[in-house]
Amino acid sequence: MVVDEPVWPDPLVDLGRQLDAMVASGVQTLRVVFDWSAAQPYRSWSQVPSGQRGNFVDVGGIPTDFSAMDQLVGQASQRGLPVLPVILDAPSWDGQDYKGGIVTLPKTDGPYAAFAKALVRRYGPHGSFWSTYRSAPRLPIHLWQIWNEPNIPAFWPPQPYYSRYLALLRAAHDAIKAADPSAEIVLAGLPNYSWLELARIYGHRGARNLFDVVAVHPYTKYPQGVITILSYARAVMNQHGDKNKPLIADELSWPSSQGQTTHNTGYDFATTQSGQAQNIGKVLPMLVENRFRLGLSGFYYYDWAGQDRPNYLAFDFSGLFHLDGGSFEAKPAFGVFKQAALAMEGCRSKGSQATDCVK
């Protein structure tokens, strides 16, 4: 499950309650953004307002606030939910903004790589977090995703993105592996014609050695199209010698935004709440049926909750829940997801841990 706003990070939301609901509905792993700009907003201690100093710790001379990530990782580990972080968004002191972009790109590769290494040293197998957070079992992070959707201008405005993104990927790969040789690097999730983009990435010398897992966002109108897109991606991987490399669908969804917003441009997969539920009910069994053929190691639904605000972007309507008057209201898609997910796992119900299955 992809978890972001309005669920986390938001101090007014009971994160534990939402995670309990996820476990009960069959969710087994989380994909979240680890926001670099929020964790390291200041380049030096002299820039930190005196009233905020207690929120930061020193990481190589850079004030770093791990509190939001600590909350998520700690509460997820209590419930046996592994976390896949997407390391995203540069702070202003090493950032470069572009017109049309919704995130800030790193000016240089070194600070991003250093932040990635700091995350491994905190949440990896030998991370300092696990020696201080004793109220949960150790569930170290092993997968690290480097950026999101660089093949669209919103996440990487200067196109083509290949050389600059691959340089960032190389720097992060080397830094993470130095801190944890067993860590696995996940390629940024690729939407749209993902298989063509993947082929172009493979075409760059040495690129295939920079990632251990391929990720695609198979957004498409019909459930069968999800399998088609994943099949195309797998064919490209096989052609380039990566037959044994895992593939994940790190975002898939159908926004229930039809008739609710004027911002559906390019989203021919937008549908109604009923259509959203029907598509989810169809695609989950398809993923199970094709998982071995595709080498599919997992999928993430986007996302747990949205706000369903009239005339906002279509993806605001993607959630299984919507935030209404301060409470999370289930949409028809939630019940269908829960039934299909539990069926995938062969469970009648779940216990307090994601791995607890009542047959």
Protein backbone atom coordinates (compact mmCIF):
# COMPACT_ATOMS: atom_id res chain seq x y z
CA MET A 1 0.00 0.00 0.00
CA VAL A 2 1.20 3.51 -0.81
CA VAL A 3 0.79 5.74 2.23
CA ASP A 4 1.02 9.51 1.96
CA GLU A 5 -1.06 12.57 2.76
CA PRO A 6 -3.63 12.86 4.24
CA VAL A 7 -2.59 9.85 6.36
CA TRP A 8 1.13 10.56 6.90
CA PRO A 9 2.93 12.70 7.84
CA ASP A 10 0.12 14.50 9.67
CA PRO A 11 0.29 14.89 13.46
CA LEU A 12 -3.52 15.11 13.65
CA VAL A 13 -4.03 11.64 12.16
CA ASP A 14 -3.89 8.53 14.34
CA LEU A 15 -1.34 6.66 12.22
CA GLY A 16 -1.50 3.54 14.37
CA ARG A 17 -5.23 3.22 13.82
CA GLN A 18 -4.79 3.48 10.06
CA LEU A 19 -1.98 0.91 10.07
CA ASP A 20 -4.14 -1.47 12.09
CA ALA A 21 -6.85 -1.13 9.46
CA MET A 22 -4.32 -1.85 6.73
CA VAL A 23 -3.09 -5.01 8.45
CA ALA A 24 -6.67 -6.19 8.94
CA SER A 25 -7.37 -5.68 5.24
CA GLY A 26 -4.42 -7.75 4.04
CA VAL A 27 -1.78 -5.06 3.47
CA GLN A 28 1.68 -6.60 3.92
CA THR A 29 4.10 -3.82 3.01
CA LEU A 30 4.14 -0.02 2.73
CA ARG A 31 5.62 2.36 0.17
CA VAL A 32 6.22 5.87 1.48
CA VAL A 33 8.18 8.99 0.56
CA PHE A 34 11.18 9.85 2.71
CA ASP A 35 11.24 13.58 2.03
CA TRP A 36 14.82 14.82 1.99
CA SER A 37 13.73 18.48 1.98
CA ALA A 38 11.70 17.97 5.16
CA ALA A 39 14.42 16.02 6.96
CA GLN A 40 17.31 18.36 6.13
CA PRO A 41 15.83 21.80 5.46
CA TYR A 42 18.94 23.61 6.76
CA ARG A 43 22.51 23.32 5.51
CA SER A 44 24.10 24.31 8.81
CA TRP A 45 23.23 24.58 12.48
CA SER A 46 23.52 28.36 12.35
CA GLN A 47 20.42 28.44 10.13
CA VAL A 48 18.22 26.43 12.52
CA PRO A 49 15.84 28.63 14.53
CA SER A 50 16.65 28.34 18.23
CA GLY A 51 13.19 27.01 19.05
CA GLN A 52 13.61 24.11 16.59
CA ARG A 53 17.07 22.88 17.54
CA GLY A 54 15.71 20.10 19.72
CA ASN A 55 14.05 18.51 16.65
CA PHE A 56 17.36 17.88 14.91
CA VAL A 57 20.36 15.61 15.28
CA ASP A 58 23.74 16.05 13.64
CA VAL A 59 24.44 13.97 10.52
CA GLY A 60 27.82 14.87 9.07
CA GLY A 61 27.37 18.45 10.18
CA ILE A 62 23.88 18.76 8.70
CA PRO A 63 20.90 19.20 11.07
CA THR A 64 18.56 16.29 10.41
CA ASP A 65 15.01 15.70 11.62
CA PHE A 66 14.16 11.98 11.58
CA SER A 67 10.97 12.31 13.67
CA ALA A 68 8.36 11.71 10.96
CA MET A 69 10.29 8.78 9.53
CA ASP A 70 10.90 7.35 13.02
CA GLN A 71 7.15 7.42 13.65
CA LEU A 72 6.34 5.59 10.43
CA VAL A 73 9.13 3.01 10.64
CA GLY A 74 8.51 2.34 14.31
CA GLN A 75 4.76 1.89 14.06
CA ALA A 76 5.08 -0.17 10.88
CA SER A 77 7.60 -2.48 12.55
CA GLN A 78 5.25 -2.99 15.49
CA ARG A 79 2.79 -4.49 13.01
CA GLY A 80 5.24 -6.47 10.90
CA LEU A 81 4.93 -4.15 7.92
CA PRO A 82 8.14 -3.75 5.88
CA VAL A 83 8.71 -0.29 4.42
CA LEU A 84 9.86 0.67 0.93
CA PRO A 85 11.04 4.30 1.08
CA VAL A 86 11.18 6.55 -1.97
CA ILE A 87 13.97 9.07 -1.39
CA LEU A 88 12.65 12.25 -2.98
CA ASP A 89 12.77 16.05 -3.14
CA ALA A 90 15.87 18.14 -2.53
CA PRO A 91 16.13 20.89 0.10
CA SER A 92 16.64 24.44 -1.11
CA TRP A 93 20.33 24.46 -0.11
CA ASP A 94 21.10 21.79 -2.71
CA GLY A 95 18.01 22.14 -4.86
CA GLN A 96 17.07 23.43 -8.26
CA ASP A 97 13.47 24.28 -9.14
CA TYR A 98 12.02 24.20 -12.62
CA LYS A 99 8.78 25.50 -14.04
CA GLY A 100 6.16 22.75 -14.01
CA GLY A 101 7.97 20.61 -11.45
CA ILE A 102 6.31 19.50 -8.23
CA VAL A 103 9.57 18.47 -6.54
CA THR A 104 13.00 20.06 -6.33
CA LEU A 105 15.90 18.34 -8.09
CA PRO A 106 19.35 17.99 -6.52
CA LYS A 107 21.93 20.36 -7.94
CA THR A 108 24.65 17.83 -7.21
CA ASP A 109 24.65 14.11 -6.46
CA GLY A 110 26.78 14.02 -3.32
CA PRO A 111 24.37 15.44 -0.70
CA TYR A 112 21.51 13.22 -1.91
CA ALA A 113 23.79 10.17 -1.69
CA ALA A 114 24.95 11.23 1.77
CA PHE A 115 21.34 11.50 2.94
CA ALA A 116 20.59 8.05 1.50
CA LYS A 117 23.56 6.62 3.41
CA ALA A 118 22.35 8.33 6.59
CA LEU A 119 18.95 6.66 6.16
CA VAL A 120 20.59 3.24 5.84
CA ARG A 121 22.68 3.88 8.93
CA ARG A 122 19.52 4.71 10.84
CA TYR A 123 16.99 2.17 9.51
CA GLY A 124 19.09 -0.55 7.86
CA PRO A 125 20.09 -3.88 9.47
CA HIS A 126 22.64 -2.21 11.75
CA GLY A 127 20.76 1.06 12.05
CA SER A 128 20.95 3.18 15.16
CA PHE A 129 17.15 3.43 15.26
CA TRP A 130 16.78 -0.20 16.34
CA SER A 131 18.96 0.23 19.41
CA THR A 132 16.82 3.10 20.71
CA TYR A 133 13.33 2.08 19.59
CA ARG A 134 12.79 -1.00 21.73
CA SER A 135 8.98 -1.06 21.70
CA ALA A 136 8.94 -2.84 18.33
CA PRO A 137 10.68 -5.85 16.78
CA ARG A 138 13.53 -5.10 14.44
CA LEU A 139 12.30 -4.83 10.88
CA PRO A 140 15.20 -3.21 9.03
CA ILE A 141 14.71 -1.58 5.67
CA HIS A 142 16.37 -3.50 2.85
CA LEU A 143 14.80 -1.87 -0.23
CA TRP A 144 15.53 1.74 -1.19
CA GLN A 145 13.88 3.46 -4.15
CA ILE A 146 15.76 6.25 -5.86
CA TRP A 147 13.34 8.98 -6.94
CA ASN A 148 9.94 8.71 -8.58
CA GLU A 149 8.71 8.95 -12.17
CA PRO A 150 11.72 10.74 -13.72
CA ASN A 151 10.25 10.21 -17.18
CA ILE A 152 7.52 12.81 -16.60
CA PRO A 153 8.24 16.56 -16.25
CA ALA A 154 6.37 16.90 -12.94
CA PHE A 155 9.06 14.83 -11.20
CA TRP A 156 11.99 15.62 -13.48
CA PRO A 157 11.30 18.80 -15.46
CA PRO A 158 14.43 18.95 -17.63
CA GLN A 159 13.87 16.19 -20.18
CA PRO A 160 15.43 13.94 -21.34
CA TYR A 161 16.32 12.81 -17.85
CA TYR A 162 18.61 9.85 -18.50
CA SER A 163 22.12 11.12 -17.89
CA ARG A 164 21.31 13.25 -14.87
CA TYR A 165 19.04 10.69 -13.21
CA LEU A 166 21.45 7.83 -13.83
CA ALA A 167 24.27 9.86 -12.28
CA LEU A 168 22.10 10.37 -9.18
CA LEU A 169 21.20 6.69 -9.18
CA ARG A 170 24.87 5.70 -9.37
CA ALA A 171 25.82 7.98 -6.47
CA ALA A 172 22.95 6.72 -4.30
CA HIS A 173 23.62 3.08 -5.25
CA ASP A 174 27.27 3.32 -4.22
CA ALA A 175 26.48 5.15 -0.96
CA ILE A 176 23.74 2.73 0.09
CA LYS A 177 25.76 -0.38 -0.78
CA ALA A 178 28.72 0.99 1.17
CA ALA A 179 26.51 1.25 4.26
CA ASP A 180 24.70 -2.06 3.68
CA PRO A 181 26.02 -4.41 0.99
CA SER A 182 22.85 -6.51 1.29
CA ALA A 183 20.57 -3.56 0.48
CA GLU A 184 18.61 -3.62 -2.76
CA ILE A 185 18.21 -0.58 -4.96
CA VAL A 186 14.84 -0.05 -6.61
CA LEU A 187 14.76 1.86 -9.88
CA ALA A 188 12.43 4.86 -9.87
CA GLY A 189 8.89 3.85 -10.77
CA LEU A 190 8.17 4.47 -14.45
CA PRO A 191 4.65 5.42 -15.65
CA ASN A 192 3.18 5.80 -19.15
CA TYR A 193 5.18 3.89 -21.78
CA SER A 194 7.29 2.41 -19.01
CA TRP A 195 8.68 -0.48 -21.03
CA LEU A 196 10.06 1.88 -23.68
CA GLU A 197 11.66 4.06 -21.01
CA LEU A 198 13.10 0.97 -19.38
CA ALA A 199 14.64 -0.12 -22.68
CA ARG A 200 16.25 3.32 -23.05
CA ILE A 201 17.68 3.10 -19.53
CA TYR A 202 19.16 -0.31 -20.32
CA GLY A 203 20.70 1.28 -23.40
CA HIS A 204 22.99 3.39 -21.24
CA ARG A 205 26.27 1.64 -20.53
CA GLY A 206 26.45 0.19 -17.04
CA ALA A 207 22.90 1.23 -16.10
CA ARG A 208 21.67 -2.31 -15.41
CA ASN A 209 24.26 -2.64 -12.64
CA LEU A 210 22.80 0.31 -10.73
CA PHE A 211 19.51 -1.29 -9.65
CA ASP A 212 18.38 -4.61 -8.22
CA VAL A 213 14.63 -4.24 -8.73
CA VAL A 214 12.65 -2.70 -11.60
CA ALA A 215 9.51 -0.71 -10.77
CA VAL A 216 6.73 0.38 -13.10
CA HIS A 217 3.44 2.22 -12.64
CA PRO A 218 1.00 0.33 -14.87
CA TYR A 219 -1.77 2.91 -14.93
CA THR A 220 -4.24 1.92 -17.60
CA LYS A 221 -7.96 1.84 -18.26
CA TYR A 222 -8.61 -1.88 -17.98
CA PRO A 223 -7.31 -4.44 -15.44
CA GLN A 224 -5.94 -6.67 -18.19
CA GLY A 225 -3.84 -3.73 -19.33
CA VAL A 226 -1.94 -3.87 -16.05
CA ILE A 227 -0.77 -7.37 -16.90
CA THR A 228 0.04 -6.32 -20.46
CA ILE A 229 2.25 -3.45 -19.31
CA LEU A 230 4.03 -5.63 -16.76
CA SER A 231 4.56 -8.25 -19.47
CA TYR A 232 6.17 -5.67 -21.74
CA ALA A 233 8.48 -4.57 -18.92
CA ARG A 234 9.44 -8.16 -18.13
CA ALA A 235 10.24 -8.78 -21.82
CA VAL A 236 12.61 -5.81 -21.84
CA MET A 237 14.31 -7.04 -18.65
CA ASN A 238 14.74 -10.52 -20.11
CA GLN A 239 16.17 -9.14 -23.34
CA HIS A 240 18.86 -7.31 -21.37
CA GLY A 241 19.96 -10.26 -19.26
CA ASP A 242 17.84 -9.53 -16.18
CA LYS A 243 15.56 -12.53 -16.29
CA ASN A 244 16.09 -13.18 -12.58
CA LYS A 245 15.77 -9.57 -11.46
CA PRO A 246 12.50 -8.84 -9.58
CA LEU A 247 9.78 -6.60 -10.98
CA ILE A 248 7.31 -4.65 -8.85
CA ALA A 249 4.22 -2.62 -9.69
CA ASP A 250 4.95 0.10 -7.17
CA GLU A 251 1.84 2.10 -8.05
CA LEU A 252 -1.40 0.93 -9.60
CA SER A 253 -4.75 2.59 -9.25
CA TRP A 254 -8.02 3.80 -10.70
CA PRO A 255 -9.05 7.26 -9.46
CA SER A 256 -12.79 7.52 -8.78
CA SER A 257 -12.73 11.02 -10.22
CA GLN A 258 -15.09 10.67 -13.17
CA GLY A 259 -17.48 13.63 -13.12
CA GLN A 260 -15.78 15.06 -10.02
CA THR A 261 -12.97 17.13 -11.49
CA THR A 262 -11.97 19.05 -14.59
CA HIS A 263 -8.36 17.87 -14.13
CA ASN A 264 -8.55 14.41 -15.73
CA THR A 265 -6.43 15.45 -18.71
CA GLY A 266 -4.50 12.43 -19.91
CA TYR A 267 -6.14 10.11 -17.35
CA ASP A 268 -8.29 7.84 -19.48
CA PHE A 269 -8.27 5.40 -16.56
CA ALA A 270 -10.37 7.69 -14.34
CA THR A 271 -13.63 6.02 -13.36
CA THR A 272 -16.46 6.07 -10.82
CA GLN A 273 -16.37 4.68 -7.27
CA SER A 274 -18.15 1.60 -8.57
CA GLY A 275 -15.70 1.22 -11.45
CA GLN A 276 -12.76 1.63 -9.09
CA ALA A 277 -14.06 -1.20 -6.92
CA GLN A 278 -14.74 -3.46 -9.90
CA ASN A 279 -11.28 -2.94 -11.37
CA ILE A 280 -9.54 -3.68 -8.08
CA GLY A 281 -11.55 -6.85 -7.69
CA LYS A 282 -10.46 -7.98 -11.14
CA VAL A 283 -6.79 -7.03 -11.09
CA LEU A 284 -5.68 -8.60 -7.80
CA PRO A 285 -6.44 -12.20 -8.87
CA MET A 286 -4.72 -11.44 -12.19
CA LEU A 287 -1.57 -10.37 -10.38
CA VAL A 288 -1.58 -13.62 -8.41
CA GLU A 289 -2.18 -15.73 -11.49
CA ASN A 290 0.68 -14.10 -13.44
CA ARG A 291 3.18 -13.45 -10.64
CA PHE A 292 5.63 -16.23 -11.49
CA ARG A 293 5.56 -15.61 -15.24
CA LEU A 294 6.19 -11.92 -14.65
CA GLY A 295 8.75 -12.38 -11.88
CA LEU A 296 6.52 -10.05 -9.88
CA SER A 297 7.70 -9.74 -6.30
CA GLY A 298 5.01 -7.32 -5.16
CA PHE A 299 2.56 -4.55 -5.93
CA TYR A 300 1.42 -1.37 -4.19
CA TYR A 301 -2.02 0.16 -4.53
CA TYR A 302 -2.09 3.95 -4.81
CA ASP A 303 -3.24 4.82 -2.27
CA TRP A 304 -4.82 4.18 1.14
CA ALA A 305 -6.71 7.48 1.39
CA GLY A 306 -7.38 10.64 -0.56
CA GLN A 307 -9.47 13.71 0.04
CA ASP A 308 -11.73 13.48 -3.02
CA ARG A 309 -11.84 17.27 -3.35
CA PRO A 310 -13.97 18.58 -6.21
CA ASN A 311 -11.91 19.82 -9.15
CA TYR A 312 -8.58 18.72 -7.72
CA LEU A 313 -6.26 16.39 -9.63
CA ALA A 314 -7.68 12.99 -10.48
CA PHE A 315 -5.20 11.24 -8.18
CA ASP A 316 -6.82 13.00 -5.22
CA PHE A 317 -9.61 10.46 -5.76
CA SER A 318 -7.42 7.34 -5.81
CA GLY A 319 -7.81 6.24 -2.20
CA LEU A 320 -9.68 3.30 -0.77
CA PHE A 321 -10.83 5.86 1.80
CA HIS A 322 -11.52 9.55 1.61
CA LEU A 323 -11.05 12.10 4.35
CA ASP A 324 -14.41 13.64 5.15
CA GLY A 325 -14.83 16.11 7.99
CA GLY A 326 -11.81 14.80 9.85
CA SER A 327 -12.71 11.11 9.59
CA PHE A 328 -11.75 8.47 7.04
CA GLU A 329 -14.75 7.10 5.16
CA ALA A 330 -14.44 3.82 3.28
CA LYS A 331 -15.30 3.79 -0.40
CA PRO A 332 -16.70 0.65 -2.10
CA ALA A 333 -13.15 -0.10 -3.26
CA PHE A 334 -12.01 -0.78 0.29
CA GLY A 335 -14.30 -3.76 0.86
CA VAL A 336 -13.36 -5.23 -2.49
CA PHE A 337 -9.65 -4.72 -1.85
CA LYS A 338 -9.89 -6.36 1.57
CA GLN A 339 -11.76 -9.39 0.26
CA ALA A 340 -9.36 -9.84 -2.67
CA ALA A 341 -6.21 -9.27 -0.61
CA LEU A 342 -7.22 -11.75 2.08
CA ALA A 343 -8.09 -14.25 -0.62
CA MET A 344 -4.63 -13.78 -2.16
CA GLU A 345 -3.13 -14.75 1.19
CA GLY A 346 -5.59 -17.55 1.88
CA CYS A 347 -6.80 -15.85 5.08
CA ARG A 348 -10.24 -15.45 6.60
CA SER A 349 -8.89 -12.66 8.77
CA LYS A 350 -5.64 -11.21 10.08
CA GLY A 351 -4.22 -10.79 13.57
CA SER A 352 -2.31 -7.83 14.94
CA GLN A 353 0.68 -8.57 12.70
CA ALA A 354 0.73 -8.44 8.92
CA THR A 355 2.01 -12.01 8.97
CA ASP A 356 -0.81 -13.30 11.24
CA CYS A 357 -3.27 -15.25 9.12
CA VAL A 358 -6.42 -16.94 10.35
CA LYS A 359 -7.24 -19.72 7.91
